[in-house]
Amino acid sequence: FGATVPQGEACPVDPFKLYTMSFAQLVVALCMLLLALSAASRCFPRFTVLYKMRPTDIMTAILSVCGTFSHWLFLAELKINPAHDIFHLFFLVSLGHLLACYAINVLVLRMVLVSYIVDTPWWRKHRRHCRLILITSAFNVRFLRITQCRLLHFDLFHIHFGTPSKMAVVFANMGLSTIFQDFCQGFGQCFVRLVWAHQAPRVSVLSISLACFNIIVALCQYGIARSQRVAYERVVRLLGVRRLTAGFFDVGAGLGKGMAVQMKRITDAPAPKALQDKKDEPDGDINPTELDAIQAAMYVSQLYNEEQQQRQKLGLADGGSEPSDA
């Protein structure tokens, strides 16, 4: 085990290394194929179900579990490999750490389920069908992200327990709990690999690579989720409401009949004052499809304020008092 030969012909292909590396590469290749199909389906209206799919959530969820299983394989090879007596000590320390991480994952998974998911219609419908997902998520809670990958028409993969920004933050916070596992395990595996080189476990390279990948993905997902949440909260503050719902722009949702008429004629309305700082379009018309979320919120907020001022001028406000935000 770990012997060095002068010629490459004398070193046969290791099936263990081949199968483990091939599986990880196969997962990445399939997800890249799904990502390409999702991007290409934009041009074909009949395949919009592919366009809404999230292959990155599938890939990151599967690779997170692969990273956890590679840590366990690393432990098994530490126990089997008698290259050095200290390997037994590394085995005991890593085993205790992985068991502690398993307990943390179960605790985090239970907290998320109780706090956000158990009271949703999705859970009442699929709680008997997602047992395998929950069991796998106990090893790595980031695997639960696969429930929001929107895979075809399977409702199991269309979880919903709040606004998209809220769900993103919840899943991102779950992902941060796995950094403790990947960082500690990856650090120990790097030490074993650097000191004992080829006598280290055969899965060490794959395990270290997956640990680094999962740490980077967890940090990126957290940063993106927080930025989305900040943008959502900014829109909510601009509109003066507690949250945005699907019926917010309806006639009876607090905007008034005049506001509904203005929203129907939004393409013919002049640019709001908040957006007239552009020198190239000082008084041009507004196309709502070209506005981002913040600009659209500013536009709607100003239209709302103008309607309230118009109602006060016409004597529609009660006693001339300021309109409440309720």
Protein backbone atom coordinates (compact mmCIF):
# COMPACT_ATOMS: atom_id res chain seq x y z
CA PHE A 1 0.00 0.00 0.00
CA GLY A 2 1.48 3.29 -1.08
CA ALA A 3 4.55 1.65 -2.61
CA THR A 4 6.72 3.54 -5.11
CA VAL A 5 7.72 1.89 -8.40
CA PRO A 6 10.34 3.12 -10.91
CA GLN A 7 8.09 2.66 -13.96
CA GLY A 8 4.48 3.57 -14.54
CA GLU A 9 3.69 0.26 -16.22
CA ALA A 10 4.33 -1.53 -12.94
CA CYS A 11 1.64 0.54 -11.19
CA PRO A 12 -1.85 -0.73 -12.09
CA VAL A 13 -4.94 1.44 -12.03
CA ASP A 14 -6.49 1.57 -8.57
CA PRO A 15 -10.21 0.72 -8.93
CA PHE A 16 -11.04 2.51 -5.67
CA LYS A 17 -9.55 5.80 -6.83
CA LEU A 18 -11.03 5.38 -10.29
CA TYR A 19 -14.60 4.76 -9.11
CA THR A 20 -14.66 7.51 -6.48
CA MET A 21 -13.18 10.16 -8.77
CA SER A 22 -15.39 9.05 -11.66
CA PHE A 23 -18.53 9.35 -9.58
CA ALA A 24 -17.75 12.92 -8.53
CA GLN A 25 -16.92 13.88 -12.12
CA LEU A 26 -20.11 12.22 -13.35
CA VAL A 27 -22.22 14.28 -10.94
CA VAL A 28 -20.59 17.51 -12.12
CA ALA A 29 -20.96 16.53 -15.79
CA LEU A 30 -24.66 15.68 -15.45
CA CYS A 31 -25.37 18.94 -13.62
CA MET A 32 -23.52 20.91 -16.28
CA LEU A 33 -25.63 19.15 -18.91
CA LEU A 34 -28.82 20.07 -17.04
CA LEU A 35 -27.58 23.65 -16.77
CA ALA A 36 -27.00 23.79 -20.53
CA LEU A 37 -30.46 22.35 -21.22
CA SER A 38 -31.99 24.84 -18.82
CA ALA A 39 -30.31 27.75 -20.61
CA ALA A 40 -31.23 26.42 -24.06
CA SER A 41 -34.89 25.86 -23.11
CA ARG A 42 -35.36 29.64 -22.90
CA CYS A 43 -35.85 29.68 -26.67
CA PHE A 44 -38.53 26.95 -26.58
CA PRO A 45 -41.79 27.85 -24.79
CA ARG A 46 -42.81 24.20 -24.48
CA PHE A 47 -39.79 23.44 -22.33
CA THR A 48 -40.19 26.20 -19.75
CA VAL A 49 -40.17 23.53 -17.04
CA LEU A 50 -36.50 22.96 -17.83
CA TYR A 51 -35.77 26.68 -17.72
CA LYS A 52 -37.14 26.94 -14.16
CA MET A 53 -34.99 24.06 -12.96
CA ARG A 54 -31.98 24.79 -10.71
CA PRO A 55 -29.16 22.39 -11.59
CA THR A 56 -26.71 24.16 -9.29
CA ASP A 57 -28.82 23.26 -6.26
CA ILE A 58 -28.79 19.63 -7.38
CA MET A 59 -25.03 19.62 -7.86
CA THR A 60 -24.15 21.37 -4.59
CA ALA A 61 -26.55 19.15 -2.61
CA ILE A 62 -25.15 15.90 -4.01
CA LEU A 63 -21.52 17.00 -3.73
CA SER A 64 -22.05 18.05 -0.12
CA VAL A 65 -23.13 14.52 0.75
CA CYS A 66 -20.28 13.11 -1.33
CA GLY A 67 -17.87 15.20 0.72
CA THR A 68 -19.28 13.82 3.97
CA PHE A 69 -19.07 10.23 2.75
CA SER A 70 -15.50 10.83 1.56
CA HIS A 71 -14.61 11.87 5.12
CA TRP A 72 -15.96 8.55 6.40
CA LEU A 73 -14.02 6.67 3.72
CA PHE A 74 -10.91 8.54 4.78
CA LEU A 75 -11.48 7.33 8.34
CA ALA A 76 -11.94 3.75 7.16
CA GLU A 77 -8.64 3.83 5.29
CA LEU A 78 -6.89 5.37 8.29
CA LYS A 79 -8.03 2.39 10.33
CA ILE A 80 -7.06 -0.15 7.69
CA ASN A 81 -3.77 1.43 6.66
CA PRO A 82 -0.93 0.51 9.10
CA ALA A 83 1.56 3.01 7.63
CA HIS A 84 2.15 4.73 10.98
CA ASP A 85 1.03 4.28 14.57
CA ILE A 86 -0.24 7.86 14.77
CA PHE A 87 -2.90 7.02 12.18
CA HIS A 88 -4.88 5.33 14.96
CA LEU A 89 -4.89 8.58 16.94
CA PHE A 90 -6.05 10.52 13.88
CA PHE A 91 -8.79 7.94 13.42
CA LEU A 92 -10.13 8.38 16.96
CA VAL A 93 -10.03 12.18 16.83
CA SER A 94 -11.66 12.36 13.38
CA LEU A 95 -14.30 9.81 14.37
CA GLY A 96 -15.29 11.83 17.42
CA HIS A 97 -15.44 14.99 15.34
CA LEU A 98 -17.64 13.41 12.67
CA LEU A 99 -20.02 12.01 15.28
CA ALA A 100 -20.28 15.46 16.86
CA CYS A 101 -20.96 16.98 13.43
CA TYR A 102 -23.66 14.37 12.83
CA ALA A 103 -25.36 15.40 16.07
CA ILE A 104 -25.10 19.07 15.09
CA ASN A 105 -26.61 18.33 11.67
CA VAL A 106 -29.54 16.49 13.24
CA LEU A 107 -30.11 19.37 15.67
CA VAL A 108 -29.97 22.01 12.92
CA LEU A 109 -32.26 19.95 10.69
CA ARG A 110 -34.81 19.57 13.47
CA MET A 111 -34.72 23.30 14.26
CA VAL A 112 -35.34 24.20 10.61
CA LEU A 113 -38.16 21.70 10.27
CA VAL A 114 -39.92 22.83 13.44
CA SER A 115 -39.41 26.56 12.85
CA TYR A 116 -40.20 26.86 9.15
CA ILE A 117 -41.45 23.70 7.41
CA VAL A 118 -43.78 21.54 9.55
CA ASP A 119 -46.68 24.01 9.32
CA THR A 120 -46.56 24.32 5.53
CA PRO A 121 -48.84 22.53 3.05
CA TRP A 122 -45.73 21.13 1.37
CA TRP A 123 -44.77 19.24 4.54
CA ARG A 124 -48.26 17.90 5.16
CA LYS A 125 -48.31 16.56 1.62
CA HIS A 126 -44.78 15.13 1.34
CA ARG A 127 -43.67 14.26 4.87
CA ARG A 128 -43.98 10.56 4.07
CA HIS A 129 -42.12 10.87 0.77
CA CYS A 130 -39.11 12.85 1.96
CA ARG A 131 -37.78 10.35 4.50
CA LEU A 132 -34.78 9.48 2.34
CA ILE A 133 -34.01 13.18 1.90
CA LEU A 134 -34.19 13.77 5.66
CA ILE A 135 -32.02 10.75 6.46
CA THR A 136 -29.39 11.92 3.97
CA SER A 137 -29.64 15.49 5.27
CA ALA A 138 -28.75 14.22 8.74
CA PHE A 139 -25.23 13.57 7.43
CA ASN A 140 -25.06 16.97 5.72
CA VAL A 141 -27.91 19.47 6.12
CA ARG A 142 -27.01 21.20 2.86
CA PHE A 143 -28.55 18.24 1.05
CA LEU A 144 -31.96 19.67 1.98
CA ARG A 145 -31.40 22.31 -0.73
CA ILE A 146 -32.37 19.67 -3.26
CA THR A 147 -36.02 20.24 -2.26
CA GLN A 148 -35.92 23.65 -3.97
CA CYS A 149 -34.28 22.55 -7.23
CA ARG A 150 -37.66 22.61 -9.10
CA LEU A 151 -36.98 19.33 -10.85
CA LEU A 152 -39.58 19.02 -13.63
CA HIS A 153 -43.14 18.73 -12.26
CA PHE A 154 -42.25 16.84 -9.07
CA ASP A 155 -43.84 18.84 -6.28
CA LEU A 156 -41.44 17.27 -3.78
CA PHE A 157 -38.70 19.47 -5.22
CA HIS A 158 -40.77 22.69 -5.07
CA ILE A 159 -40.57 23.52 -1.37
CA HIS A 160 -42.08 26.82 -0.24
CA PHE A 161 -42.18 28.22 3.29
CA GLY A 162 -41.86 31.97 2.77
CA THR A 163 -40.50 34.54 0.39
CA PRO A 164 -37.62 33.47 -1.86
CA SER A 165 -35.20 35.67 0.05
CA LYS A 166 -36.28 34.15 3.36
CA MET A 167 -35.82 30.60 2.06
CA ALA A 168 -32.41 31.51 0.66
CA VAL A 169 -31.29 32.88 4.03
CA VAL A 170 -32.55 29.79 5.89
CA PHE A 171 -30.75 27.39 3.54
CA ALA A 172 -27.60 29.55 3.62
CA ASN A 173 -27.54 29.54 7.43
CA MET A 174 -27.86 25.76 7.37
CA GLY A 175 -24.90 25.59 5.02
CA LEU A 176 -22.73 27.57 7.44
CA SER A 177 -23.15 24.82 10.04
CA THR A 178 -21.32 22.39 7.74
CA ILE A 179 -18.19 24.56 7.53
CA PHE A 180 -17.14 23.30 10.96
CA GLN A 181 -17.14 19.77 9.60
CA ASP A 182 -15.43 20.42 6.28
CA PHE A 183 -12.79 22.78 7.64
CA CYS A 184 -11.62 20.55 10.49
CA GLN A 185 -11.69 17.38 8.44
CA GLY A 186 -9.99 19.04 5.48
CA PHE A 187 -7.25 20.48 7.69
CA GLY A 188 -6.46 17.08 9.22
CA GLN A 189 -6.51 15.37 5.85
CA CYS A 190 -4.15 17.96 4.38
CA PHE A 191 -1.74 17.35 7.26
CA VAL A 192 -1.80 13.60 6.71
CA ARG A 193 -1.38 14.03 2.96
CA LEU A 194 1.55 16.45 3.24
CA VAL A 195 3.44 14.43 5.84
CA TRP A 196 2.91 10.87 4.59
CA ALA A 197 2.34 11.63 0.88
CA HIS A 198 1.54 8.38 -0.97
CA GLN A 199 1.06 6.45 2.27
CA ALA A 200 -1.95 8.62 3.07
CA PRO A 201 -5.43 7.22 2.36
CA ARG A 202 -6.20 6.91 -1.32
CA VAL A 203 -9.33 9.04 -1.06
CA SER A 204 -7.46 11.96 0.53
CA VAL A 205 -7.19 14.06 -2.65
CA LEU A 206 -10.90 13.72 -3.43
CA SER A 207 -11.90 14.35 0.17
CA ILE A 208 -9.76 17.50 0.46
CA SER A 209 -11.06 18.81 -2.88
CA LEU A 210 -14.70 18.28 -1.88
CA ALA A 211 -14.10 19.89 1.51
CA CYS A 212 -12.64 23.02 -0.11
CA PHE A 213 -15.44 23.09 -2.68
CA ASN A 214 -18.16 22.80 -0.04
CA ILE A 215 -16.64 25.56 2.08
CA ILE A 216 -16.45 27.95 -0.88
CA VAL A 217 -20.00 27.11 -1.98
CA ALA A 218 -21.38 27.59 1.55
CA LEU A 219 -19.75 31.03 1.86
CA CYS A 220 -20.90 32.10 -1.62
CA GLN A 221 -24.47 30.97 -0.97
CA TYR A 222 -24.53 32.85 2.32
CA GLY A 223 -23.26 36.04 0.69
CA ILE A 224 -25.77 35.84 -2.14
CA ALA A 225 -28.64 35.06 0.23
CA ARG A 226 -27.83 38.00 2.49
CA SER A 227 -27.60 40.38 -0.47
CA GLN A 228 -30.98 39.18 -1.72
CA ARG A 229 -32.49 39.64 1.72
CA VAL A 230 -31.07 43.15 2.07
CA ALA A 231 -32.50 44.08 -1.34
CA TYR A 232 -35.89 42.67 -0.35
CA GLU A 233 -35.93 44.56 2.94
CA ARG A 234 -34.99 47.75 1.12
CA VAL A 235 -37.91 47.31 -1.27
CA VAL A 236 -40.26 46.69 1.64
CA ARG A 237 -39.08 49.84 3.43
CA LEU A 238 -39.50 51.89 0.27
CA LEU A 239 -43.08 50.67 -0.15
CA GLY A 240 -43.90 51.14 3.53
CA VAL A 241 -45.31 47.64 4.07
CA ARG A 242 -44.37 44.67 6.22
CA ARG A 243 -43.90 42.21 3.36
CA LEU A 244 -44.57 41.81 -0.35
CA THR A 245 -47.33 39.39 -1.33
CA ALA A 246 -48.85 38.30 -4.59
CA GLY A 247 -51.96 40.44 -3.95
CA PHE A 248 -50.13 43.61 -3.00
CA PHE A 249 -50.74 45.26 -6.36
CA ASP A 250 -54.43 44.32 -6.45
CA VAL A 251 -57.13 46.97 -6.25
CA GLY A 252 -58.12 46.08 -2.70
CA ALA A 253 -54.62 45.62 -1.37
CA GLY A 254 -54.17 49.20 -0.17
CA LEU A 255 -53.20 50.98 -3.39
CA GLY A 256 -56.68 52.23 -4.30
CA LYS A 257 -58.57 52.29 -7.55
CA GLY A 258 -56.61 55.21 -8.90
CA MET A 259 -53.38 53.34 -8.25
CA ALA A 260 -54.68 50.28 -10.09
CA VAL A 261 -55.50 52.40 -13.12
CA GLN A 262 -52.06 53.95 -13.04
CA MET A 263 -50.42 50.54 -12.83
CA LYS A 264 -52.36 49.43 -15.91
CA ARG A 265 -51.04 52.46 -17.78
CA ILE A 266 -47.51 52.17 -16.44
CA THR A 267 -45.92 52.13 -19.85
CA ASP A 268 -47.49 55.50 -20.69
CA ALA A 269 -46.64 57.16 -17.39
CA PRO A 270 -43.80 59.71 -17.15
CA ALA A 271 -40.63 58.87 -15.30
CA PRO A 272 -40.78 59.39 -11.51
CA LYS A 273 -38.67 62.03 -9.85
CA ALA A 274 -36.48 59.38 -8.25
CA LEU A 275 -35.45 58.15 -11.67
CA GLN A 276 -35.13 61.51 -13.44
CA ASP A 277 -31.51 61.94 -12.43
CA LYS A 278 -30.49 60.29 -15.67
CA LYS A 279 -29.24 62.95 -18.05
CA ASP A 280 -29.93 60.93 -21.16
CA GLU A 281 -33.61 60.30 -20.26
CA PRO A 282 -34.85 63.27 -18.24
CA ASP A 283 -38.55 63.04 -19.17
CA GLY A 284 -38.85 59.73 -21.00
CA ASP A 285 -41.48 57.04 -20.54
CA ILE A 286 -40.93 54.12 -18.16
CA ASN A 287 -40.75 50.55 -19.34
CA PRO A 288 -41.30 48.31 -16.25
CA THR A 289 -39.43 45.42 -17.85
CA GLU A 290 -36.22 47.49 -17.86
CA LEU A 291 -36.37 48.39 -14.14
CA ASP A 292 -34.70 46.43 -11.41
CA ALA A 293 -36.46 45.65 -8.14
CA ILE A 294 -35.25 48.78 -6.36
CA GLN A 295 -36.22 51.15 -9.18
CA ALA A 296 -39.62 49.50 -9.54
CA ALA A 297 -40.20 49.87 -5.81
CA MET A 298 -39.25 53.53 -5.94
CA TYR A 299 -41.61 54.03 -8.85
CA VAL A 300 -44.55 52.36 -7.13
CA SER A 301 -43.82 54.16 -3.86
CA GLN A 302 -43.90 57.54 -5.56
CA LEU A 303 -47.12 56.73 -7.37
CA TYR A 304 -48.63 55.70 -4.05
CA ASN A 305 -47.58 58.97 -2.41
CA GLU A 306 -48.92 61.01 -5.32
CA GLU A 307 -52.27 59.23 -5.07
CA GLN A 308 -52.50 59.89 -1.34
CA GLN A 309 -51.73 63.57 -1.89
CA GLN A 310 -54.38 63.76 -4.60
CA ARG A 311 -56.94 62.16 -2.32
CA GLN A 312 -56.15 64.69 0.40
CA LYS A 313 -56.65 67.55 -2.03
CA LEU A 314 -60.02 66.16 -3.06
CA GLY A 315 -61.11 65.84 0.56
CA LEU A 316 -61.19 62.02 0.60
CA ALA A 317 -58.94 61.73 3.64
CA ASP A 318 -60.72 61.67 7.00
CA GLY A 319 -60.33 65.00 8.75
CA GLY A 320 -57.30 65.86 6.65
CA SER A 321 -55.12 63.56 8.73
CA GLU A 322 -52.13 61.76 7.40
CA PRO A 323 -52.96 58.39 5.83
CA SER A 324 -51.91 55.46 7.99
CA ASP A 325 -49.67 52.63 6.85
CA ALA A 326 -52.00 49.96 8.19
